[in-house]
Amino acid sequence: MYSFLAGILAEKSPTLVTIDVNGIGFQLVVPLSTSRELPAVGEKAKLLTQHVVREDAQLLFGFATEEERSLFKLLLSVSGVGPKLAITVLSGLGIGELKRAIVEGSVPALTAISGIGRKTAERLIVELREKIVVEGRSEGKSGAGLSKSEVLVQDSIRALVSLGYSKQSAKTAIQKVLEGRSSERISTESLIRESLKQIQYV
């Protein structure tokens, strides 16, 4: 319905803001990460939006970045996760931390978020791990003209960078995993998981 809203920030609380667009006030639910990026009340603001229609309400959610909005949509695809819980999850961990927790299968990191129990944490991991890996893999150029092993390494580097690690740290960790091994015998998902175990030592 709306892609973004731009206007004057009329009201602001940690997870609820109102933007005045030509005299009409639009109330949006936002994660804490977005709230922290907003200017002072009375100044110009722009938020990417996601319109969610439910049987009992229509809600607008606002985000500072496309990455936040995309992750919000992914969270909504998980069984048992509604929009307000998705905002709570986004508020509980930074984008990079949240993606790492899901890819690494860290139940403790996820259950530390208010409102997330063990079963919900496990669903987040099971239902989103592969989607996040694929999302990270698709960010960047295609592997046209590269060998299978080169594509494997490039895909893995992009996925790790999307999780918040530096390109150099990703390369070093991947090299450690592949030492003495044939890249033909390892999948992208396995290489990423094993690199995550190595990267803390890089």
N, C-alpha and C. Protein backbone atom coordinates (compact mmCIF):
# COMPACT_ATOMS: atom_id res chain seq x y z
N MET A 1 0.83 -1.20 0.00
CA MET A 1 0.00 0.00 0.00
C MET A 1 0.87 1.25 0.00
N TYR A 2 1.82 1.32 0.93
CA TYR A 2 2.77 2.43 0.97
C TYR A 2 4.18 1.85 0.92
N SER A 3 5.07 2.48 0.15
CA SER A 3 6.46 2.04 0.12
C SER A 3 7.28 2.78 1.16
N PHE A 4 6.97 4.06 1.33
CA PHE A 4 7.65 4.86 2.36
C PHE A 4 6.79 6.06 2.70
N LEU A 5 7.10 6.69 3.81
CA LEU A 5 6.45 7.94 4.22
C LEU A 5 7.54 8.96 4.52
N ALA A 6 7.34 10.17 4.03
CA ALA A 6 8.29 11.25 4.29
C ALA A 6 7.52 12.48 4.74
N GLY A 7 7.94 13.06 5.85
CA GLY A 7 7.25 14.23 6.37
C GLY A 7 7.95 14.76 7.61
N ILE A 8 7.17 15.34 8.51
CA ILE A 8 7.72 15.89 9.75
C ILE A 8 7.45 14.91 10.89
N LEU A 9 8.48 14.62 11.66
CA LEU A 9 8.31 13.73 12.81
C LEU A 9 7.52 14.47 13.89
N ALA A 10 6.26 14.06 14.09
CA ALA A 10 5.37 14.76 15.02
C ALA A 10 5.45 14.21 16.43
N GLU A 11 5.58 12.89 16.56
CA GLU A 11 5.66 12.25 17.88
C GLU A 11 6.67 11.11 17.81
N LYS A 12 7.29 10.84 18.94
CA LYS A 12 8.30 9.78 18.95
C LYS A 12 8.40 9.14 20.32
N SER A 13 8.25 7.80 20.35
CA SER A 13 8.51 7.01 21.55
C SER A 13 9.40 5.86 21.10
N PRO A 14 9.90 5.04 22.01
CA PRO A 14 10.83 3.98 21.59
C PRO A 14 10.36 3.10 20.44
N THR A 15 9.08 2.72 20.43
CA THR A 15 8.62 1.84 19.35
C THR A 15 7.38 2.35 18.62
N LEU A 16 7.04 3.61 18.81
CA LEU A 16 5.87 4.17 18.14
C LEU A 16 6.16 5.62 17.74
N VAL A 17 5.94 5.93 16.45
CA VAL A 17 6.19 7.29 15.98
C VAL A 17 5.02 7.76 15.12
N THR A 18 4.89 9.06 14.99
CA THR A 18 3.88 9.65 14.11
C THR A 18 4.58 10.61 13.16
N ILE A 19 4.33 10.43 11.87
CA ILE A 19 4.89 11.32 10.86
C ILE A 19 3.76 12.13 10.23
N ASP A 20 3.92 13.44 10.23
CA ASP A 20 2.95 14.35 9.65
C ASP A 20 3.28 14.51 8.16
N VAL A 21 2.40 13.98 7.32
CA VAL A 21 2.58 14.09 5.87
C VAL A 21 1.48 14.99 5.32
N ASN A 22 1.82 16.23 5.04
CA ASN A 22 0.86 17.21 4.52
C ASN A 22 -0.39 17.32 5.38
N GLY A 23 -0.19 17.36 6.70
CA GLY A 23 -1.30 17.56 7.62
C GLY A 23 -2.00 16.30 8.07
N ILE A 24 -1.58 15.16 7.56
CA ILE A 24 -2.16 13.88 7.99
C ILE A 24 -1.11 13.12 8.80
N GLY A 25 -1.51 12.70 10.01
CA GLY A 25 -0.56 12.01 10.88
C GLY A 25 -0.63 10.50 10.70
N PHE A 26 0.47 9.91 10.29
CA PHE A 26 0.57 8.45 10.13
C PHE A 26 1.33 7.87 11.31
N GLN A 27 0.67 6.96 12.03
CA GLN A 27 1.32 6.33 13.18
C GLN A 27 1.96 5.02 12.74
N LEU A 28 3.23 4.84 13.10
CA LEU A 28 3.97 3.64 12.70
C LEU A 28 4.62 2.98 13.90
N VAL A 29 4.58 1.66 13.90
CA VAL A 29 5.31 0.87 14.90
C VAL A 29 6.71 0.65 14.34
N VAL A 30 7.73 0.90 15.14
CA VAL A 30 9.11 0.78 14.65
C VAL A 30 9.96 -0.03 15.63
N PRO A 31 11.01 -0.70 15.14
CA PRO A 31 11.94 -1.37 16.05
C PRO A 31 12.85 -0.34 16.70
N LEU A 32 13.48 -0.70 17.80
CA LEU A 32 14.36 0.24 18.50
C LEU A 32 15.50 0.72 17.62
N SER A 33 16.00 -0.14 16.74
CA SER A 33 17.10 0.25 15.86
C SER A 33 16.70 1.40 14.95
N THR A 34 15.45 1.40 14.51
CA THR A 34 14.95 2.50 13.67
C THR A 34 14.72 3.74 14.51
N SER A 35 14.14 3.57 15.68
CA SER A 35 13.85 4.70 16.56
C SER A 35 15.11 5.49 16.88
N ARG A 36 16.22 4.77 17.08
CA ARG A 36 17.48 5.43 17.42
C ARG A 36 18.03 6.27 16.26
N GLU A 37 17.63 5.92 15.03
CA GLU A 37 18.13 6.64 13.86
C GLU A 37 17.30 7.87 13.51
N LEU A 38 16.16 8.02 14.14
CA LEU A 38 15.26 9.13 13.80
C LEU A 38 15.76 10.46 14.36
N PRO A 39 15.44 11.55 13.68
CA PRO A 39 15.83 12.88 14.18
C PRO A 39 14.92 13.31 15.33
N ALA A 40 15.11 14.51 15.80
CA ALA A 40 14.29 15.05 16.88
C ALA A 40 12.89 15.38 16.35
N VAL A 41 11.92 15.39 17.26
CA VAL A 41 10.55 15.77 16.90
C VAL A 41 10.57 17.16 16.28
N GLY A 42 9.83 17.32 15.19
CA GLY A 42 9.79 18.60 14.50
C GLY A 42 10.68 18.65 13.27
N GLU A 43 11.54 17.67 13.12
CA GLU A 43 12.43 17.63 11.96
C GLU A 43 11.90 16.67 10.90
N LYS A 44 12.48 16.77 9.70
CA LYS A 44 12.05 15.92 8.59
C LYS A 44 12.50 14.48 8.82
N ALA A 45 11.64 13.54 8.44
CA ALA A 45 11.97 12.12 8.61
C ALA A 45 11.38 11.31 7.46
N LYS A 46 12.04 10.21 7.15
CA LYS A 46 11.55 9.31 6.11
C LYS A 46 11.70 7.88 6.59
N LEU A 47 10.64 7.10 6.45
CA LEU A 47 10.67 5.71 6.87
C LEU A 47 10.14 4.81 5.76
N LEU A 48 10.81 3.70 5.54
CA LEU A 48 10.28 2.66 4.66
C LEU A 48 9.14 1.99 5.42
N THR A 49 8.12 1.56 4.73
CA THR A 49 6.94 1.05 5.45
C THR A 49 6.53 -0.35 5.00
N GLN A 50 5.82 -1.00 5.91
CA GLN A 50 5.19 -2.29 5.61
C GLN A 50 3.78 -2.24 6.19
N HIS A 51 2.79 -2.41 5.34
CA HIS A 51 1.39 -2.36 5.76
C HIS A 51 0.91 -3.78 6.06
N VAL A 52 0.43 -4.00 7.27
CA VAL A 52 -0.04 -5.33 7.67
C VAL A 52 -1.53 -5.25 7.99
N VAL A 53 -2.31 -6.07 7.31
CA VAL A 53 -3.77 -6.09 7.51
C VAL A 53 -4.14 -7.33 8.31
N ARG A 54 -4.84 -7.13 9.41
CA ARG A 54 -5.32 -8.23 10.24
C ARG A 54 -6.83 -8.13 10.35
N GLU A 55 -7.45 -9.16 10.88
CA GLU A 55 -8.91 -9.16 11.00
C GLU A 55 -9.40 -8.01 11.88
N ASP A 56 -8.61 -7.69 12.92
CA ASP A 56 -9.06 -6.69 13.88
C ASP A 56 -8.36 -5.34 13.75
N ALA A 57 -7.41 -5.22 12.81
CA ALA A 57 -6.68 -3.95 12.70
C ALA A 57 -5.85 -3.87 11.43
N GLN A 58 -5.53 -2.63 11.05
CA GLN A 58 -4.57 -2.38 9.98
C GLN A 58 -3.41 -1.61 10.61
N LEU A 59 -2.21 -2.13 10.44
CA LEU A 59 -1.05 -1.53 11.10
C LEU A 59 0.02 -1.14 10.10
N LEU A 60 0.70 -0.04 10.39
CA LEU A 60 1.83 0.40 9.58
C LEU A 60 3.11 0.23 10.40
N PHE A 61 4.10 -0.37 9.79
CA PHE A 61 5.39 -0.56 10.45
C PHE A 61 6.45 0.21 9.68
N GLY A 62 7.35 0.86 10.41
CA GLY A 62 8.36 1.69 9.76
C GLY A 62 9.78 1.20 10.00
N PHE A 63 10.64 1.43 9.01
CA PHE A 63 12.02 0.94 9.10
C PHE A 63 12.99 1.95 8.51
N ALA A 64 14.16 2.03 9.12
CA ALA A 64 15.18 2.97 8.65
C ALA A 64 15.88 2.46 7.40
N THR A 65 15.99 1.13 7.26
CA THR A 65 16.71 0.55 6.13
C THR A 65 15.92 -0.57 5.47
N GLU A 66 16.28 -0.87 4.23
CA GLU A 66 15.63 -1.96 3.51
C GLU A 66 15.97 -3.30 4.15
N GLU A 67 17.17 -3.40 4.72
CA GLU A 67 17.58 -4.64 5.38
C GLU A 67 16.66 -4.96 6.56
N GLU A 68 16.29 -3.92 7.33
CA GLU A 68 15.37 -4.12 8.45
C GLU A 68 14.01 -4.59 7.95
N ARG A 69 13.52 -3.92 6.92
CA ARG A 69 12.20 -4.27 6.39
C ARG A 69 12.19 -5.69 5.83
N SER A 70 13.24 -6.07 5.12
CA SER A 70 13.33 -7.41 4.54
C SER A 70 13.35 -8.48 5.63
N LEU A 71 14.10 -8.21 6.70
CA LEU A 71 14.17 -9.19 7.79
C LEU A 71 12.83 -9.28 8.52
N PHE A 72 12.13 -8.16 8.63
CA PHE A 72 10.79 -8.14 9.22
C PHE A 72 9.86 -9.06 8.43
N LYS A 73 9.92 -8.97 7.11
CA LYS A 73 9.09 -9.82 6.25
C LYS A 73 9.44 -11.29 6.44
N LEU A 74 10.73 -11.57 6.55
CA LEU A 74 11.16 -12.96 6.77
C LEU A 74 10.62 -13.49 8.09
N LEU A 75 10.68 -12.66 9.13
CA LEU A 75 10.18 -13.07 10.44
C LEU A 75 8.69 -13.37 10.39
N LEU A 76 7.94 -12.59 9.61
CA LEU A 76 6.50 -12.81 9.50
C LEU A 76 6.18 -14.14 8.81
N SER A 77 7.13 -14.67 8.05
CA SER A 77 6.90 -15.94 7.36
C SER A 77 7.02 -17.14 8.29
N VAL A 78 7.50 -16.91 9.51
CA VAL A 78 7.69 -17.99 10.47
C VAL A 78 6.38 -18.30 11.18
N SER A 79 6.04 -19.55 11.28
CA SER A 79 4.82 -19.98 11.96
C SER A 79 4.78 -19.47 13.39
N GLY A 80 3.69 -18.80 13.75
CA GLY A 80 3.52 -18.32 15.11
C GLY A 80 4.11 -16.96 15.40
N VAL A 81 4.73 -16.33 14.40
CA VAL A 81 5.33 -15.01 14.61
C VAL A 81 4.47 -13.95 13.93
N GLY A 82 3.87 -13.08 14.74
CA GLY A 82 3.07 -11.99 14.22
C GLY A 82 3.91 -10.73 14.10
N PRO A 83 3.32 -9.64 13.58
CA PRO A 83 4.09 -8.41 13.36
C PRO A 83 4.67 -7.79 14.62
N LYS A 84 3.92 -7.81 15.72
CA LYS A 84 4.45 -7.19 16.94
C LYS A 84 5.60 -8.00 17.53
N LEU A 85 5.51 -9.32 17.45
CA LEU A 85 6.62 -10.15 17.93
C LEU A 85 7.83 -9.96 17.02
N ALA A 86 7.58 -9.81 15.73
CA ALA A 86 8.69 -9.58 14.79
C ALA A 86 9.42 -8.29 15.13
N ILE A 87 8.68 -7.25 15.50
CA ILE A 87 9.30 -5.98 15.91
C ILE A 87 10.09 -6.17 17.19
N THR A 88 9.55 -6.96 18.11
CA THR A 88 10.25 -7.24 19.37
C THR A 88 11.58 -7.94 19.09
N VAL A 89 11.56 -8.89 18.16
CA VAL A 89 12.79 -9.61 17.80
C VAL A 89 13.81 -8.65 17.20
N LEU A 90 13.37 -7.79 16.29
CA LEU A 90 14.27 -6.82 15.67
C LEU A 90 14.82 -5.84 16.70
N SER A 91 14.02 -5.55 17.72
CA SER A 91 14.46 -4.63 18.77
C SER A 91 15.42 -5.30 19.75
N GLY A 92 15.32 -6.63 19.85
CA GLY A 92 16.12 -7.35 20.84
C GLY A 92 17.56 -7.57 20.44
N LEU A 93 17.82 -7.66 19.13
CA LEU A 93 19.18 -7.87 18.64
C LEU A 93 19.41 -7.02 17.41
N GLY A 94 20.64 -6.62 17.18
CA GLY A 94 20.98 -5.91 15.96
C GLY A 94 20.79 -6.83 14.76
N ILE A 95 20.68 -6.26 13.57
CA ILE A 95 20.46 -7.06 12.37
C ILE A 95 21.53 -8.14 12.20
N GLY A 96 22.79 -7.73 12.30
CA GLY A 96 23.89 -8.69 12.14
C GLY A 96 23.86 -9.77 13.20
N GLU A 97 23.62 -9.37 14.45
CA GLU A 97 23.58 -10.33 15.57
C GLU A 97 22.43 -11.32 15.39
N LEU A 98 21.28 -10.81 14.96
CA LEU A 98 20.12 -11.67 14.78
C LEU A 98 20.36 -12.70 13.67
N LYS A 99 20.91 -12.24 12.56
CA LYS A 99 21.20 -13.16 11.46
C LYS A 99 22.21 -14.22 11.88
N ARG A 100 23.24 -13.79 12.61
CA ARG A 100 24.25 -14.75 13.06
C ARG A 100 23.65 -15.78 14.00
N ALA A 101 22.79 -15.32 14.92
CA ALA A 101 22.16 -16.23 15.88
C ALA A 101 21.33 -17.29 15.15
N ILE A 102 20.63 -16.88 14.11
CA ILE A 102 19.80 -17.82 13.36
C ILE A 102 20.66 -18.79 12.55
N VAL A 103 21.65 -18.27 11.84
CA VAL A 103 22.50 -19.13 11.01
C VAL A 103 23.33 -20.09 11.86
N GLU A 104 23.80 -19.60 13.01
CA GLU A 104 24.61 -20.45 13.90
C GLU A 104 23.75 -21.39 14.74
N GLY A 105 22.43 -21.18 14.72
CA GLY A 105 21.54 -22.02 15.51
C GLY A 105 21.65 -21.76 17.00
N SER A 106 21.88 -20.50 17.37
CA SER A 106 22.07 -20.14 18.77
C SER A 106 20.74 -19.90 19.48
N VAL A 107 20.19 -20.95 20.06
CA VAL A 107 18.93 -20.83 20.80
C VAL A 107 19.06 -19.88 21.99
N PRO A 108 20.16 -19.95 22.78
CA PRO A 108 20.30 -19.04 23.92
C PRO A 108 20.25 -17.56 23.53
N ALA A 109 20.88 -17.21 22.41
CA ALA A 109 20.87 -15.81 21.97
C ALA A 109 19.46 -15.35 21.63
N LEU A 110 18.69 -16.23 21.02
CA LEU A 110 17.32 -15.88 20.63
C LEU A 110 16.36 -15.86 21.81
N THR A 111 16.51 -16.81 22.74
CA THR A 111 15.60 -16.84 23.89
C THR A 111 15.90 -15.71 24.88
N ALA A 112 17.03 -15.04 24.70
CA ALA A 112 17.35 -13.88 25.54
C ALA A 112 16.46 -12.69 25.18
N ILE A 113 15.82 -12.76 24.01
CA ILE A 113 14.90 -11.71 23.58
C ILE A 113 13.56 -11.89 24.29
N SER A 114 13.03 -10.82 24.84
CA SER A 114 11.75 -10.88 25.54
C SER A 114 10.65 -11.42 24.63
N GLY A 115 9.91 -12.42 25.11
CA GLY A 115 8.80 -12.98 24.35
C GLY A 115 9.16 -14.16 23.47
N ILE A 116 10.45 -14.50 23.41
CA ILE A 116 10.89 -15.63 22.59
C ILE A 116 11.23 -16.82 23.47
N GLY A 117 10.43 -17.88 23.37
CA GLY A 117 10.71 -19.11 24.11
C GLY A 117 11.54 -20.06 23.27
N ARG A 118 11.88 -21.18 23.84
CA ARG A 118 12.74 -22.14 23.13
C ARG A 118 12.10 -22.63 21.83
N LYS A 119 10.82 -22.95 21.86
CA LYS A 119 10.17 -23.48 20.66
C LYS A 119 10.15 -22.45 19.53
N THR A 120 9.86 -21.19 19.88
CA THR A 120 9.86 -20.14 18.86
C THR A 120 11.26 -19.93 18.31
N ALA A 121 12.26 -19.95 19.20
CA ALA A 121 13.65 -19.80 18.76
C ALA A 121 14.03 -20.90 17.78
N GLU A 122 13.62 -22.11 18.09
CA GLU A 122 13.94 -23.25 17.21
C GLU A 122 13.24 -23.12 15.87
N ARG A 123 12.01 -22.60 15.87
CA ARG A 123 11.30 -22.38 14.60
C ARG A 123 12.00 -21.32 13.77
N LEU A 124 12.46 -20.25 14.43
CA LEU A 124 13.18 -19.20 13.71
C LEU A 124 14.40 -19.78 13.00
N ILE A 125 15.12 -20.63 13.71
CA ILE A 125 16.34 -21.24 13.16
C ILE A 125 16.00 -22.17 12.00
N VAL A 126 15.05 -23.06 12.23
CA VAL A 126 14.70 -24.06 11.21
C VAL A 126 14.12 -23.41 9.95
N GLU A 127 13.24 -22.42 10.14
CA GLU A 127 12.54 -21.84 9.00
C GLU A 127 13.30 -20.72 8.29
N LEU A 128 14.25 -20.08 8.99
CA LEU A 128 14.92 -18.93 8.39
C LEU A 128 16.39 -19.13 8.05
N ARG A 129 17.02 -20.14 8.63
CA ARG A 129 18.47 -20.30 8.41
C ARG A 129 18.83 -20.33 6.92
N GLU A 130 18.18 -21.20 6.18
CA GLU A 130 18.50 -21.33 4.76
C GLU A 130 18.15 -20.06 3.99
N LYS A 131 17.02 -19.42 4.34
CA LYS A 131 16.62 -18.20 3.64
C LYS A 131 17.65 -17.09 3.83
N ILE A 132 18.19 -16.98 5.04
CA ILE A 132 19.19 -15.94 5.30
C ILE A 132 20.49 -16.24 4.57
N VAL A 133 20.88 -17.51 4.52
CA VAL A 133 22.09 -17.89 3.79
C VAL A 133 21.92 -17.58 2.30
N VAL A 134 20.77 -17.93 1.74
CA VAL A 134 20.51 -17.69 0.32
C VAL A 134 20.46 -16.19 0.05
N GLU A 135 19.86 -15.42 0.95
CA GLU A 135 19.78 -13.97 0.80
C GLU A 135 21.18 -13.37 0.74
N GLY A 136 22.04 -13.80 1.65
CA GLY A 136 23.41 -13.30 1.66
C GLY A 136 24.16 -13.73 0.42
N ARG A 137 23.89 -14.93 -0.06
CA ARG A 137 24.57 -15.45 -1.24
C ARG A 137 24.19 -14.65 -2.48
N SER A 138 22.96 -14.16 -2.54
CA SER A 138 22.49 -13.46 -3.73
C SER A 138 22.93 -12.01 -3.79
N GLU A 139 23.46 -11.48 -2.70
CA GLU A 139 23.89 -10.08 -2.68
C GLU A 139 25.25 -9.96 -3.35
N GLY A 140 25.27 -9.44 -4.55
CA GLY A 140 26.53 -9.29 -5.27
C GLY A 140 26.41 -9.82 -6.67
N LYS A 141 27.53 -9.92 -7.35
CA LYS A 141 27.54 -10.34 -8.74
C LYS A 141 27.32 -11.84 -8.86
N SER A 142 26.84 -12.25 -10.02
CA SER A 142 26.67 -13.68 -10.27
C SER A 142 28.02 -14.32 -10.49
N GLY A 143 28.04 -15.64 -10.51
CA GLY A 143 29.30 -16.35 -10.67
C GLY A 143 29.60 -16.71 -12.11
N ALA A 144 29.08 -15.96 -13.07
CA ALA A 144 29.32 -16.26 -14.48
C ALA A 144 30.81 -16.27 -14.78
N GLY A 145 31.27 -17.33 -15.44
CA GLY A 145 32.67 -17.40 -15.85
C GLY A 145 33.60 -17.92 -14.78
N LEU A 146 33.09 -18.23 -13.58
CA LEU A 146 33.93 -18.71 -12.49
C LEU A 146 33.78 -20.22 -12.35
N SER A 147 34.81 -20.85 -11.79
CA SER A 147 34.74 -22.29 -11.54
C SER A 147 33.79 -22.54 -10.39
N LYS A 148 33.40 -23.79 -10.22
CA LYS A 148 32.47 -24.15 -9.14
C LYS A 148 33.05 -23.80 -7.78
N SER A 149 34.35 -24.06 -7.58
CA SER A 149 34.97 -23.76 -6.28
C SER A 149 35.06 -22.27 -6.03
N GLU A 150 35.30 -21.48 -7.10
CA GLU A 150 35.36 -20.02 -6.96
C GLU A 150 33.99 -19.45 -6.61
N VAL A 151 32.96 -19.99 -7.23
CA VAL A 151 31.59 -19.55 -6.92
C VAL A 151 31.25 -19.89 -5.48
N LEU A 152 31.65 -21.08 -5.04
CA LEU A 152 31.42 -21.52 -3.66
C LEU A 152 32.03 -20.53 -2.67
N VAL A 153 33.28 -20.15 -2.91
CA VAL A 153 33.97 -19.23 -2.01
C VAL A 153 33.34 -17.85 -2.05
N GLN A 154 33.02 -17.34 -3.24
CA GLN A 154 32.43 -16.01 -3.35
C GLN A 154 31.05 -15.96 -2.70
N ASP A 155 30.25 -17.00 -2.92
CA ASP A 155 28.92 -17.05 -2.29
C ASP A 155 29.05 -17.04 -0.77
N SER A 156 30.00 -17.80 -0.26
CA SER A 156 30.19 -17.91 1.19
C SER A 156 30.68 -16.59 1.77
N ILE A 157 31.58 -15.91 1.07
CA ILE A 157 32.07 -14.61 1.53
C ILE A 157 30.93 -13.62 1.61
N ARG A 158 30.09 -13.57 0.57
CA ARG A 158 28.97 -12.62 0.57
C ARG A 158 28.00 -12.92 1.71
N ALA A 159 27.75 -14.20 1.96
CA ALA A 159 26.84 -14.57 3.05
C ALA A 159 27.40 -14.13 4.39
N LEU A 160 28.70 -14.32 4.61
CA LEU A 160 29.33 -13.93 5.88
C LEU A 160 29.35 -12.42 6.04
N VAL A 161 29.62 -11.71 4.95
CA VAL A 161 29.62 -10.24 5.01
C VAL A 161 28.22 -9.73 5.35
N SER A 162 27.19 -10.39 4.81
CA SER A 162 25.81 -9.99 5.11
C SER A 162 25.46 -10.21 6.57
N LEU A 163 26.23 -11.09 7.25
CA LEU A 163 26.01 -11.35 8.68
C LEU A 163 26.78 -10.38 9.56
N GLY A 164 27.51 -9.45 8.93
CA GLY A 164 28.19 -8.42 9.69
C GLY A 164 29.69 -8.56 9.82
N TYR A 165 30.26 -9.60 9.22
CA TYR A 165 31.71 -9.79 9.31
C TYR A 165 32.41 -9.05 8.17
N SER A 166 33.68 -8.69 8.39
CA SER A 166 34.44 -8.02 7.34
C SER A 166 34.79 -9.02 6.24
N LYS A 167 35.03 -8.49 5.05
CA LYS A 167 35.37 -9.36 3.93
C LYS A 167 36.66 -10.13 4.19
N GLN A 168 37.64 -9.45 4.81
CA GLN A 168 38.92 -10.10 5.08
C GLN A 168 38.77 -11.22 6.11
N SER A 169 37.97 -10.97 7.16
CA SER A 169 37.74 -12.00 8.17
C SER A 169 37.05 -13.21 7.55
N ALA A 170 36.10 -12.94 6.66
CA ALA A 170 35.38 -14.03 5.98
C ALA A 170 36.34 -14.86 5.13
N LYS A 171 37.19 -14.17 4.37
CA LYS A 171 38.16 -14.87 3.51
C LYS A 171 39.09 -15.74 4.33
N THR A 172 39.62 -15.17 5.42
CA THR A 172 40.57 -15.91 6.26
C THR A 172 39.92 -17.14 6.87
N ALA A 173 38.70 -16.99 7.37
CA ALA A 173 37.99 -18.12 7.99
C ALA A 173 37.73 -19.22 6.96
N ILE A 174 37.31 -18.83 5.76
CA ILE A 174 37.02 -19.80 4.71
C ILE A 174 38.29 -20.54 4.30
N GLN A 175 39.40 -19.82 4.20
CA GLN A 175 40.67 -20.45 3.86
C GLN A 175 41.06 -21.50 4.89
N LYS A 176 40.82 -21.19 6.17
CA LYS A 176 41.14 -22.14 7.24
C LYS A 176 40.29 -23.41 7.11
N VAL A 177 39.01 -23.22 6.79
CA VAL A 177 38.12 -24.38 6.65
C VAL A 177 38.54 -25.25 5.47
N LEU A 178 38.98 -24.61 4.38
CA LEU A 178 39.30 -25.35 3.17
C LEU A 178 40.71 -25.92 3.13
N GLU A 179 41.53 -25.58 4.13
CA GLU A 179 42.90 -26.09 4.15
C GLU A 179 42.91 -27.62 4.13
N GLY A 180 43.57 -28.18 3.13
CA GLY A 180 43.69 -29.63 3.04
C GLY A 180 42.42 -30.35 2.63
N ARG A 181 41.42 -29.59 2.17
CA ARG A 181 40.15 -30.20 1.76
C ARG A 181 39.83 -29.83 0.33
N SER A 182 39.02 -30.63 -0.30
CA SER A 182 38.56 -30.33 -1.65
C SER A 182 37.25 -29.55 -1.55
N SER A 183 37.22 -28.38 -2.18
CA SER A 183 36.00 -27.56 -2.13
C SER A 183 34.85 -28.22 -2.87
N GLU A 184 35.17 -29.22 -3.70
CA GLU A 184 34.12 -29.92 -4.44
C GLU A 184 33.28 -30.79 -3.52
N ARG A 185 33.80 -31.08 -2.32
CA ARG A 185 33.12 -32.01 -1.41
C ARG A 185 32.39 -31.29 -0.27
N ILE A 186 32.23 -29.99 -0.38
CA ILE A 186 31.55 -29.24 0.67
C ILE A 186 30.52 -28.31 0.05
N SER A 187 29.36 -28.22 0.68
CA SER A 187 28.31 -27.33 0.17
C SER A 187 28.52 -25.93 0.70
N THR A 188 27.85 -24.96 0.07
CA THR A 188 27.96 -23.58 0.53
C THR A 188 27.48 -23.45 1.97
N GLU A 189 26.36 -24.11 2.29
CA GLU A 189 25.81 -24.02 3.64
C GLU A 189 26.79 -24.58 4.67
N SER A 190 27.42 -25.71 4.35
CA SER A 190 28.39 -26.31 5.29
C SER A 190 29.61 -25.42 5.44
N LEU A 191 30.07 -24.85 4.33
CA LEU A 191 31.24 -23.97 4.39
C LEU A 191 30.96 -22.75 5.26
N ILE A 192 29.77 -22.19 5.13
CA ILE A 192 29.40 -21.02 5.93
C ILE A 192 29.33 -21.38 7.41
N ARG A 193 28.70 -22.51 7.73
CA ARG A 193 28.59 -22.92 9.14
C ARG A 193 29.96 -23.17 9.76
N GLU A 194 30.84 -23.86 9.02
CA GLU A 194 32.17 -24.14 9.55
C GLU A 194 33.02 -22.88 9.64
N SER A 195 32.81 -21.95 8.72
CA SER A 195 33.55 -20.68 8.76
C SER A 195 33.13 -19.85 9.96
N LEU A 196 31.85 -19.92 10.32
CA LEU A 196 31.36 -19.18 11.49
C LEU A 196 32.05 -19.67 12.76
N LYS A 197 32.37 -20.97 12.80
CA LYS A 197 33.08 -21.51 13.97
C LYS A 197 34.52 -21.02 14.00
N GLN A 198 35.10 -20.81 12.82
CA GLN A 198 36.49 -20.37 12.73
C GLN A 198 36.66 -18.87 12.93
N ILE A 199 35.65 -18.12 12.50
CA ILE A 199 35.81 -16.67 12.39
C ILE A 199 36.07 -15.99 13.73
N GLN A 200 35.61 -16.58 14.82
CA GLN A 200 35.85 -15.98 16.13
C GLN A 200 37.33 -15.99 16.50
N TYR A 201 38.08 -16.85 15.82
CA TYR A 201 39.51 -16.93 16.11
C TYR A 201 40.34 -16.08 15.15
N VAL A 202 39.66 -15.48 14.12
CA VAL A 202 40.39 -14.70 13.12
C VAL A 202 40.81 -13.35 13.70
